[in-house]
Amino acid sequence: TMAQVVDANRQLECAALTHLVKKTQEWRPAP
């Protein structure tokens, strides 16, 4: 379905981003 196509493309984009991640760093946000 068109909704499934959208979901699948989002998943592929997330997977591509995951593979490109070099490092992550977390910090506390402003109060």
PDB file of all heavy atoms in Angstrom:
ATOM      1  N   THR A   1       0.852  -1.181   0.000  1.00  0.00           N
ATOM      2  CA  THR A   1       0.000   0.000   0.000  1.00  0.00           C
ATOM      3  C   THR A   1       0.894   1.239   0.000  1.00  0.00           C
ATOM      4  O   THR A   1       2.097   1.172   0.275  1.00  0.00           O
ATOM      5  CB  THR A   1      -0.904   0.038   1.234  1.00  0.00           C
ATOM      6  OG1 THR A   1      -0.083   0.190   2.405  1.00  0.00           O
ATOM      7  CG2 THR A   1      -1.729  -1.238   1.352  1.00  0.00           C
ATOM      8  N   MET A   2       0.322   2.387  -0.275  1.00  0.00           N
ATOM      9  CA  MET A   2       1.108   3.613  -0.289  1.00  0.00           C
ATOM     10  C   MET A   2       1.647   3.925   1.102  1.00  0.00           C
ATOM     11  O   MET A   2       2.765   4.434   1.251  1.00  0.00           O
ATOM     12  CB  MET A   2       0.266   4.768  -0.821  1.00  0.00           C
ATOM     13  CG  MET A   2      -0.232   4.524  -2.244  1.00  0.00           C
ATOM     14  SD  MET A   2      -1.039   5.939  -3.003  1.00  0.00           S
ATOM     15  CE  MET A   2       0.384   6.944  -3.411  1.00  0.00           C
ATOM     16  N   ALA A   3       0.891   3.599   2.143  1.00  0.00           N
ATOM     17  CA  ALA A   3       1.367   3.810   3.508  1.00  0.00           C
ATOM     18  C   ALA A   3       2.546   2.886   3.819  1.00  0.00           C
ATOM     19  O   ALA A   3       3.513   3.290   4.477  1.00  0.00           O
ATOM     20  CB  ALA A   3       0.234   3.569   4.507  1.00  0.00           C
ATOM     21  N   GLN A   4       2.483   1.646   3.347  1.00  0.00           N
ATOM     22  CA  GLN A   4       3.583   0.710   3.559  1.00  0.00           C
ATOM     23  C   GLN A   4       4.836   1.154   2.811  1.00  0.00           C
ATOM     24  O   GLN A   4       5.954   0.966   3.305  1.00  0.00           O
ATOM     25  CB  GLN A   4       3.169  -0.696   3.123  1.00  0.00           C
ATOM     26  CG  GLN A   4       2.154  -1.348   4.048  1.00  0.00           C
ATOM     27  CD  GLN A   4       1.586  -2.634   3.481  1.00  0.00           C
ATOM     28  OE1 GLN A   4       1.529  -2.829   2.264  1.00  0.00           O
ATOM     29  NE2 GLN A   4       1.146  -3.525   4.358  1.00  0.00           N
ATOM     30  N   VAL A   5       4.673   1.737   1.637  1.00  0.00           N
ATOM     31  CA  VAL A   5       5.812   2.272   0.889  1.00  0.00           C
ATOM     32  C   VAL A   5       6.489   3.383   1.679  1.00  0.00           C
ATOM     33  O   VAL A   5       7.715   3.436   1.795  1.00  0.00           O
ATOM     34  CB  VAL A   5       5.363   2.789  -0.493  1.00  0.00           C
ATOM     35  CG1 VAL A   5       6.477   3.593  -1.167  1.00  0.00           C
ATOM     36  CG2 VAL A   5       4.957   1.625  -1.381  1.00  0.00           C
ATOM     37  N   VAL A   6       5.684   4.283   2.252  1.00  0.00           N
ATOM     38  CA  VAL A   6       6.228   5.374   3.063  1.00  0.00           C
ATOM     39  C   VAL A   6       6.988   4.822   4.267  1.00  0.00           C
ATOM     40  O   VAL A   6       8.111   5.245   4.563  1.00  0.00           O
ATOM     41  CB  VAL A   6       5.109   6.329   3.531  1.00  0.00           C
ATOM     42  CG1 VAL A   6       5.637   7.333   4.545  1.00  0.00           C
ATOM     43  CG2 VAL A   6       4.510   7.056   2.340  1.00  0.00           C
ATOM     44  N   ASP A   7       6.389   3.860   4.970  1.00  0.00           N
ATOM     45  CA  ASP A   7       7.042   3.268   6.138  1.00  0.00           C
ATOM     46  C   ASP A   7       8.346   2.577   5.761  1.00  0.00           C
ATOM     47  O   ASP A   7       9.352   2.700   6.462  1.00  0.00           O
ATOM     48  CB  ASP A   7       6.103   2.253   6.815  1.00  0.00           C
ATOM     49  CG  ASP A   7       4.938   2.921   7.519  1.00  0.00           C
ATOM     50  OD1 ASP A   7       5.021   4.133   7.779  1.00  0.00           O
ATOM     51  OD2 ASP A   7       3.937   2.227   7.803  1.00  0.00           O
ATOM     52  N   ALA A   8       8.344   1.845   4.653  1.00  0.00           N
ATOM     53  CA  ALA A   8       9.540   1.127   4.224  1.00  0.00           C
ATOM     54  C   ALA A   8      10.659   2.104   3.863  1.00  0.00           C
ATOM     55  O   ALA A   8      11.831   1.877   4.208  1.00  0.00           O
ATOM     56  CB  ALA A   8       9.220   0.223   3.043  1.00  0.00           C
ATOM     57  N   ASN A   9      10.317   3.197   3.194  1.00  0.00           N
ATOM     58  CA  ASN A   9      11.341   4.190   2.846  1.00  0.00           C
ATOM     59  C   ASN A   9      11.907   4.868   4.083  1.00  0.00           C
ATOM     60  O   ASN A   9      13.108   5.143   4.157  1.00  0.00           O
ATOM     61  CB  ASN A   9      10.763   5.231   1.881  1.00  0.00           C
ATOM     62  CG  ASN A   9      10.790   4.761   0.441  1.00  0.00           C
ATOM     63  OD1 ASN A   9      11.742   4.128  -0.003  1.00  0.00           O
ATOM     64  ND2 ASN A   9       9.730   5.053  -0.301  1.00  0.00           N
ATOM     65  N   ARG A  10      11.064   5.125   5.052  1.00  0.00           N
ATOM     66  CA  ARG A  10      11.561   5.703   6.310  1.00  0.00           C
ATOM     67  C   ARG A  10      12.519   4.740   6.995  1.00  0.00           C
ATOM     68  O   ARG A  10      13.547   5.153   7.530  1.00  0.00           O
ATOM     69  CB  ARG A  10      10.383   6.025   7.236  1.00  0.00           C
ATOM     70  CG  ARG A  10       9.594   7.248   6.840  1.00  0.00           C
ATOM     71  CD  ARG A  10       8.400   7.448   7.743  1.00  0.00           C
ATOM     72  NE  ARG A  10       7.653   8.640   7.398  1.00  0.00           N
ATOM     73  CZ  ARG A  10       6.430   8.927   7.865  1.00  0.00           C
ATOM     74  NH1 ARG A  10       5.845   8.083   8.697  1.00  0.00           N
ATOM     75  NH2 ARG A  10       5.817  10.030   7.499  1.00  0.00           N
ATOM     76  N   GLN A  11      12.186   3.468   6.978  1.00  0.00           N
ATOM     77  CA  GLN A  11      13.043   2.472   7.605  1.00  0.00           C
ATOM     78  C   GLN A  11      14.388   2.394   6.887  1.00  0.00           C
ATOM     79  O   GLN A  11      15.442   2.284   7.533  1.00  0.00           O
ATOM     80  CB  GLN A  11      12.356   1.100   7.587  1.00  0.00           C
ATOM     81  CG  GLN A  11      13.092   0.017   8.366  1.00  0.00           C
ATOM     82  CD  GLN A  11      13.154   0.320   9.852  1.00  0.00           C
ATOM     83  OE1 GLN A  11      12.276   0.992  10.399  1.00  0.00           O
ATOM     84  NE2 GLN A  11      14.194  -0.160  10.511  1.00  0.00           N
ATOM     85  N   LEU A  12      14.374   2.458   5.560  1.00  0.00           N
ATOM     86  CA  LEU A  12      15.621   2.432   4.802  1.00  0.00           C
ATOM     87  C   LEU A  12      16.469   3.670   5.097  1.00  0.00           C
ATOM     88  O   LEU A  12      17.695   3.585   5.206  1.00  0.00           O
ATOM     89  CB  LEU A  12      15.328   2.348   3.302  1.00  0.00           C
ATOM     90  CG  LEU A  12      14.734   1.033   2.795  1.00  0.00           C
ATOM     91  CD1 LEU A  12      14.432   1.132   1.305  1.00  0.00           C
ATOM     92  CD2 LEU A  12      15.677  -0.138   3.065  1.00  0.00           C
ATOM     93  N   GLU A  13      15.818   4.821   5.246  1.00  0.00           N
ATOM     94  CA  GLU A  13      16.548   6.048   5.568  1.00  0.00           C
ATOM     95  C   GLU A  13      17.173   5.953   6.954  1.00  0.00           C
ATOM     96  O   GLU A  13      18.320   6.366   7.158  1.00  0.00           O
ATOM     97  CB  GLU A  13      15.601   7.249   5.498  1.00  0.00           C
ATOM     98  CG  GLU A  13      15.157   7.593   4.088  1.00  0.00           C
ATOM     99  CD  GLU A  13      14.060   8.636   4.069  1.00  0.00           C
ATOM    100  OE1 GLU A  13      13.674   9.111   5.158  1.00  0.00           O
ATOM    101  OE2 GLU A  13      13.585   8.973   2.971  1.00  0.00           O
ATOM    102  N   CYS A  14      16.432   5.396   7.905  1.00  0.00           N
ATOM    103  CA  CYS A  14      16.964   5.226   9.262  1.00  0.00           C
ATOM    104  C   CYS A  14      18.153   4.263   9.263  1.00  0.00           C
ATOM    105  O   CYS A  14      19.150   4.488   9.946  1.00  0.00           O
ATOM    106  CB  CYS A  14      15.876   4.712  10.204  1.00  0.00           C
ATOM    107  SG  CYS A  14      14.591   5.918  10.583  1.00  0.00           S
ATOM    108  N   ALA A  15      18.031   3.187   8.480  1.00  0.00           N
ATOM    109  CA  ALA A  15      19.118   2.213   8.410  1.00  0.00           C
ATOM    110  C   ALA A  15      20.361   2.845   7.796  1.00  0.00           C
ATOM    111  O   ALA A  15      21.486   2.608   8.253  1.00  0.00           O
ATOM    112  CB  ALA A  15      18.685   1.003   7.593  1.00  0.00           C
ATOM    113  N   ALA A  16      20.169   3.677   6.770  1.00  0.00           N
ATOM    114  CA  ALA A  16      21.305   4.348   6.137  1.00  0.00           C
ATOM    115  C   ALA A  16      21.971   5.304   7.107  1.00  0.00           C
ATOM    116  O   ALA A  16      23.207   5.379   7.179  1.00  0.00           O
ATOM    117  CB  ALA A  16      20.835   5.100   4.897  1.00  0.00           C
ATOM    118  N   LEU A  17      21.176   6.027   7.890  1.00  0.00           N
ATOM    119  CA  LEU A  17      21.725   6.951   8.877  1.00  0.00           C
ATOM    120  C   LEU A  17      22.506   6.200   9.941  1.00  0.00           C
ATOM    121  O   LEU A  17      23.586   6.612  10.352  1.00  0.00           O
ATOM    122  CB  LEU A  17      20.602   7.764   9.517  1.00  0.00           C
ATOM    123  CG  LEU A  17      21.014   8.772  10.597  1.00  0.00           C
ATOM    124  CD1 LEU A  17      21.963   9.807  10.019  1.00  0.00           C
ATOM    125  CD2 LEU A  17      19.786   9.444  11.199  1.00  0.00           C
ATOM    126  N   THR A  18      21.964   5.058  10.369  1.00  0.00           N
ATOM    127  CA  THR A  18      22.642   4.261  11.393  1.00  0.00           C
ATOM    128  C   THR A  18      24.022   3.826  10.930  1.00  0.00           C
ATOM    129  O   THR A  18      24.997   3.860  11.682  1.00  0.00           O
ATOM    130  CB  THR A  18      21.804   3.020  11.748  1.00  0.00           C
ATOM    131  OG1 THR A  18      20.539   3.444  12.246  1.00  0.00           O
ATOM    132  CG2 THR A  18      22.508   2.175  12.803  1.00  0.00           C
ATOM    133  N   HIS A  19      24.126   3.429   9.658  1.00  0.00           N
ATOM    134  CA  HIS A  19      25.412   2.987   9.134  1.00  0.00           C
ATOM    135  C   HIS A  19      26.397   4.142   8.995  1.00  0.00           C
ATOM    136  O   HIS A  19      27.603   3.939   9.036  1.00  0.00           O
ATOM    137  CB  HIS A  19      25.220   2.314   7.771  1.00  0.00           C
ATOM    138  CG  HIS A  19      24.588   0.963   7.869  1.00  0.00           C
ATOM    139  ND1 HIS A  19      25.158  -0.072   8.579  1.00  0.00           N
ATOM    140  CD2 HIS A  19      23.431   0.475   7.362  1.00  0.00           C
ATOM    141  CE1 HIS A  19      24.381  -1.140   8.498  1.00  0.00           C
ATOM    142  NE2 HIS A  19      23.329  -0.835   7.773  1.00  0.00           N
ATOM    143  N   LEU A  20      25.875   5.364   8.829  1.00  0.00           N
ATOM    144  CA  LEU A  20      26.753   6.511   8.644  1.00  0.00           C
ATOM    145  C   LEU A  20      27.200   7.143   9.962  1.00  0.00           C
ATOM    146  O   LEU A  20      28.099   7.970   9.982  1.00  0.00           O
ATOM    147  CB  LEU A  20      26.041   7.581   7.801  1.00  0.00           C
ATOM    148  CG  LEU A  20      25.810   7.232   6.328  1.00  0.00           C
ATOM    149  CD1 LEU A  20      24.937   8.297   5.692  1.00  0.00           C
ATOM    150  CD2 LEU A  20      27.134   7.123   5.596  1.00  0.00           C
ATOM    151  N   VAL A  21      26.531   6.742  11.048  1.00  0.00           N
ATOM    152  CA  VAL A  21      26.862   7.353  12.330  1.00  0.00           C
ATOM    153  C   VAL A  21      28.312   7.066  12.698  1.00  0.00           C
ATOM    154  O   VAL A  21      28.750   5.926  12.700  1.00  0.00           O
ATOM    155  CB  VAL A  21      25.919   6.840  13.439  1.00  0.00           C
ATOM    156  CG1 VAL A  21      26.451   7.266  14.805  1.00  0.00           C
ATOM    157  CG2 VAL A  21      24.532   7.397  13.223  1.00  0.00           C
ATOM    158  N   LYS A  22      29.043   8.109  13.003  1.00  0.00           N
ATOM    159  CA  LYS A  22      30.452   7.964  13.385  1.00  0.00           C
ATOM    160  C   LYS A  22      30.592   7.874  14.889  1.00  0.00           C
ATOM    161  O   LYS A  22      31.335   7.057  15.411  1.00  0.00           O
ATOM    162  CB  LYS A  22      31.245   9.155  12.839  1.00  0.00           C
ATOM    163  CG  LYS A  22      32.726   9.099  13.133  1.00  0.00           C
ATOM    164  CD  LYS A  22      33.413  10.329  12.551  1.00  0.00           C
ATOM    165  CE  LYS A  22      34.893  10.332  12.853  1.00  0.00           C
ATOM    166  NZ  LYS A  22      35.554  11.550  12.347  1.00  0.00           N
ATOM    167  N   LYS A  23      29.899   8.730  15.590  1.00  0.00           N
ATOM    168  CA  LYS A  23      29.936   8.684  17.049  1.00  0.00           C
ATOM    169  C   LYS A  23      28.722   9.422  17.593  1.00  0.00           C
ATOM    170  O   LYS A  23      28.097  10.216  16.901  1.00  0.00           O
ATOM    171  CB  LYS A  23      31.216   9.318  17.587  1.00  0.00           C
ATOM    172  CG  LYS A  23      31.363  10.783  17.261  1.00  0.00           C
ATOM    173  CD  LYS A  23      32.662  11.324  17.816  1.00  0.00           C
ATOM    174  CE  LYS A  23      32.831  12.800  17.452  1.00  0.00           C
ATOM    175  NZ  LYS A  23      34.078  13.356  17.995  1.00  0.00           N
ATOM    176  N   THR A  24      28.386   9.164  18.804  1.00  0.00           N
ATOM    177  CA  THR A  24      27.278   9.865  19.444  1.00  0.00           C
ATOM    178  C   THR A  24      27.753  10.457  20.761  1.00  0.00           C
ATOM    179  O   THR A  24      28.667   9.948  21.396  1.00  0.00           O
ATOM    180  CB  THR A  24      26.096   8.909  19.733  1.00  0.00           C
ATOM    181  OG1 THR A  24      26.518   7.934  20.665  1.00  0.00           O
ATOM    182  CG2 THR A  24      25.609   8.256  18.449  1.00  0.00           C
ATOM    183  N   GLN A  25      27.136  11.532  21.154  1.00  0.00           N
ATOM    184  CA  GLN A  25      27.479  12.184  22.408  1.00  0.00           C
ATOM    185  C   GLN A  25      26.220  12.786  22.988  1.00  0.00           C
ATOM    186  O   GLN A  25      25.456  13.435  22.273  1.00  0.00           O
ATOM    187  CB  GLN A  25      28.534  13.269  22.165  1.00  0.00           C
ATOM    188  CG  GLN A  25      28.921  14.028  23.424  1.00  0.00           C
ATOM    189  CD  GLN A  25      29.952  15.097  23.121  1.00  0.00           C
ATOM    190  OE1 GLN A  25      30.509  15.144  22.035  1.00  0.00           O
ATOM    191  NE2 GLN A  25      30.185  15.960  24.087  1.00  0.00           N
ATOM    192  N   GLU A  26      25.999  12.579  24.256  1.00  0.00           N
ATOM    193  CA  GLU A  26      24.821  13.123  24.911  1.00  0.00           C
ATOM    194  C   GLU A  26      25.235  14.190  25.912  1.00  0.00           C
ATOM    195  O   GLU A  26      26.308  14.136  26.491  1.00  0.00           O
ATOM    196  CB  GLU A  26      24.051  12.019  25.647  1.00  0.00           C
ATOM    197  CG  GLU A  26      23.418  10.985  24.735  1.00  0.00           C
ATOM    198  CD  GLU A  26      22.522  10.035  25.499  1.00  0.00           C
ATOM    199  OE1 GLU A  26      22.179  10.365  26.655  1.00  0.00           O
ATOM    200  OE2 GLU A  26      22.167   8.991  24.945  1.00  0.00           O
ATOM    201  N   TRP A  27      24.375  15.179  26.123  1.00  0.00           N
ATOM    202  CA  TRP A  27      24.600  16.164  27.156  1.00  0.00           C
ATOM    203  C   TRP A  27      23.250  16.596  27.701  1.00  0.00           C
ATOM    204  O   TRP A  27      22.222  16.359  27.098  1.00  0.00           O
ATOM    205  CB  TRP A  27      25.379  17.366  26.600  1.00  0.00           C
ATOM    206  CG  TRP A  27      24.616  18.208  25.641  1.00  0.00           C
ATOM    207  CD1 TRP A  27      23.812  19.268  25.913  1.00  0.00           C
ATOM    208  CD2 TRP A  27      24.565  18.035  24.210  1.00  0.00           C
ATOM    209  NE1 TRP A  27      23.269  19.761  24.776  1.00  0.00           N
ATOM    210  CE2 TRP A  27      23.717  19.051  23.714  1.00  0.00           C
ATOM    211  CE3 TRP A  27      25.158  17.144  23.317  1.00  0.00           C
ATOM    212  CZ2 TRP A  27      23.448  19.172  22.363  1.00  0.00           C
ATOM    213  CZ3 TRP A  27      24.890  17.284  21.982  1.00  0.00           C
ATOM    214  CH2 TRP A  27      24.042  18.285  21.509  1.00  0.00           C
ATOM    215  N   ARG A  28      23.297  17.235  28.836  1.00  0.00           N
ATOM    216  CA  ARG A  28      22.045  17.659  29.465  1.00  0.00           C
ATOM    217  C   ARG A  28      21.514  18.916  28.792  1.00  0.00           C
ATOM    218  O   ARG A  28      22.263  19.846  28.528  1.00  0.00           O
ATOM    219  CB  ARG A  28      22.265  17.941  30.947  1.00  0.00           C
ATOM    220  CG  ARG A  28      22.537  16.693  31.762  1.00  0.00           C
ATOM    221  CD  ARG A  28      22.613  17.027  33.234  1.00  0.00           C
ATOM    222  NE  ARG A  28      22.825  15.833  34.028  1.00  0.00           N
ATOM    223  CZ  ARG A  28      22.890  15.839  35.366  1.00  0.00           C
ATOM    224  NH1 ARG A  28      22.774  16.981  36.029  1.00  0.00           N
ATOM    225  NH2 ARG A  28      23.082  14.716  36.021  1.00  0.00           N
ATOM    226  N   PRO A  29      20.217  18.953  28.503  1.00  0.00           N
ATOM    227  CA  PRO A  29      19.632  20.146  27.889  1.00  0.00           C
ATOM    228  C   PRO A  29      19.468  21.263  28.913  1.00  0.00           C
ATOM    229  O   PRO A  29      19.633  21.064  30.115  1.00  0.00           O
ATOM    230  CB  PRO A  29      18.272  19.632  27.400  1.00  0.00           C
ATOM    231  CG  PRO A  29      17.934  18.542  28.362  1.00  0.00           C
ATOM    232  CD  PRO A  29      19.257  17.886  28.700  1.00  0.00           C
ATOM    233  N   ALA A  30      19.137  22.442  28.416  1.00  0.00           N
ATOM    234  CA  ALA A  30      18.881  23.573  29.303  1.00  0.00           C
ATOM    235  C   ALA A  30      17.699  23.248  30.208  1.00  0.00           C
ATOM    236  O   ALA A  30      16.825  22.450  29.850  1.00  0.00           O
ATOM    237  CB  ALA A  30      18.602  24.812  28.464  1.00  0.00           C
ATOM    238  N   PRO A  31      17.646  23.848  31.407  1.00  0.00           N
ATOM    239  CA  PRO A  31      16.575  23.532  32.382  1.00  0.00           C
ATOM    240  C   PRO A  31      15.167  23.632  31.808  1.00  0.00           C
ATOM    241  O   PRO A  31      14.303  22.827  32.129  1.00  0.00           O
ATOM    242  CB  PRO A  31      16.806  24.567  33.492  1.00  0.00           C
ATOM    243  CG  PRO A  31      18.270  24.865  33.407  1.00  0.00           C
ATOM    244  CD  PRO A  31      18.604  24.835  31.940  1.00  0.00           C
TER     245      PRO A  31
END
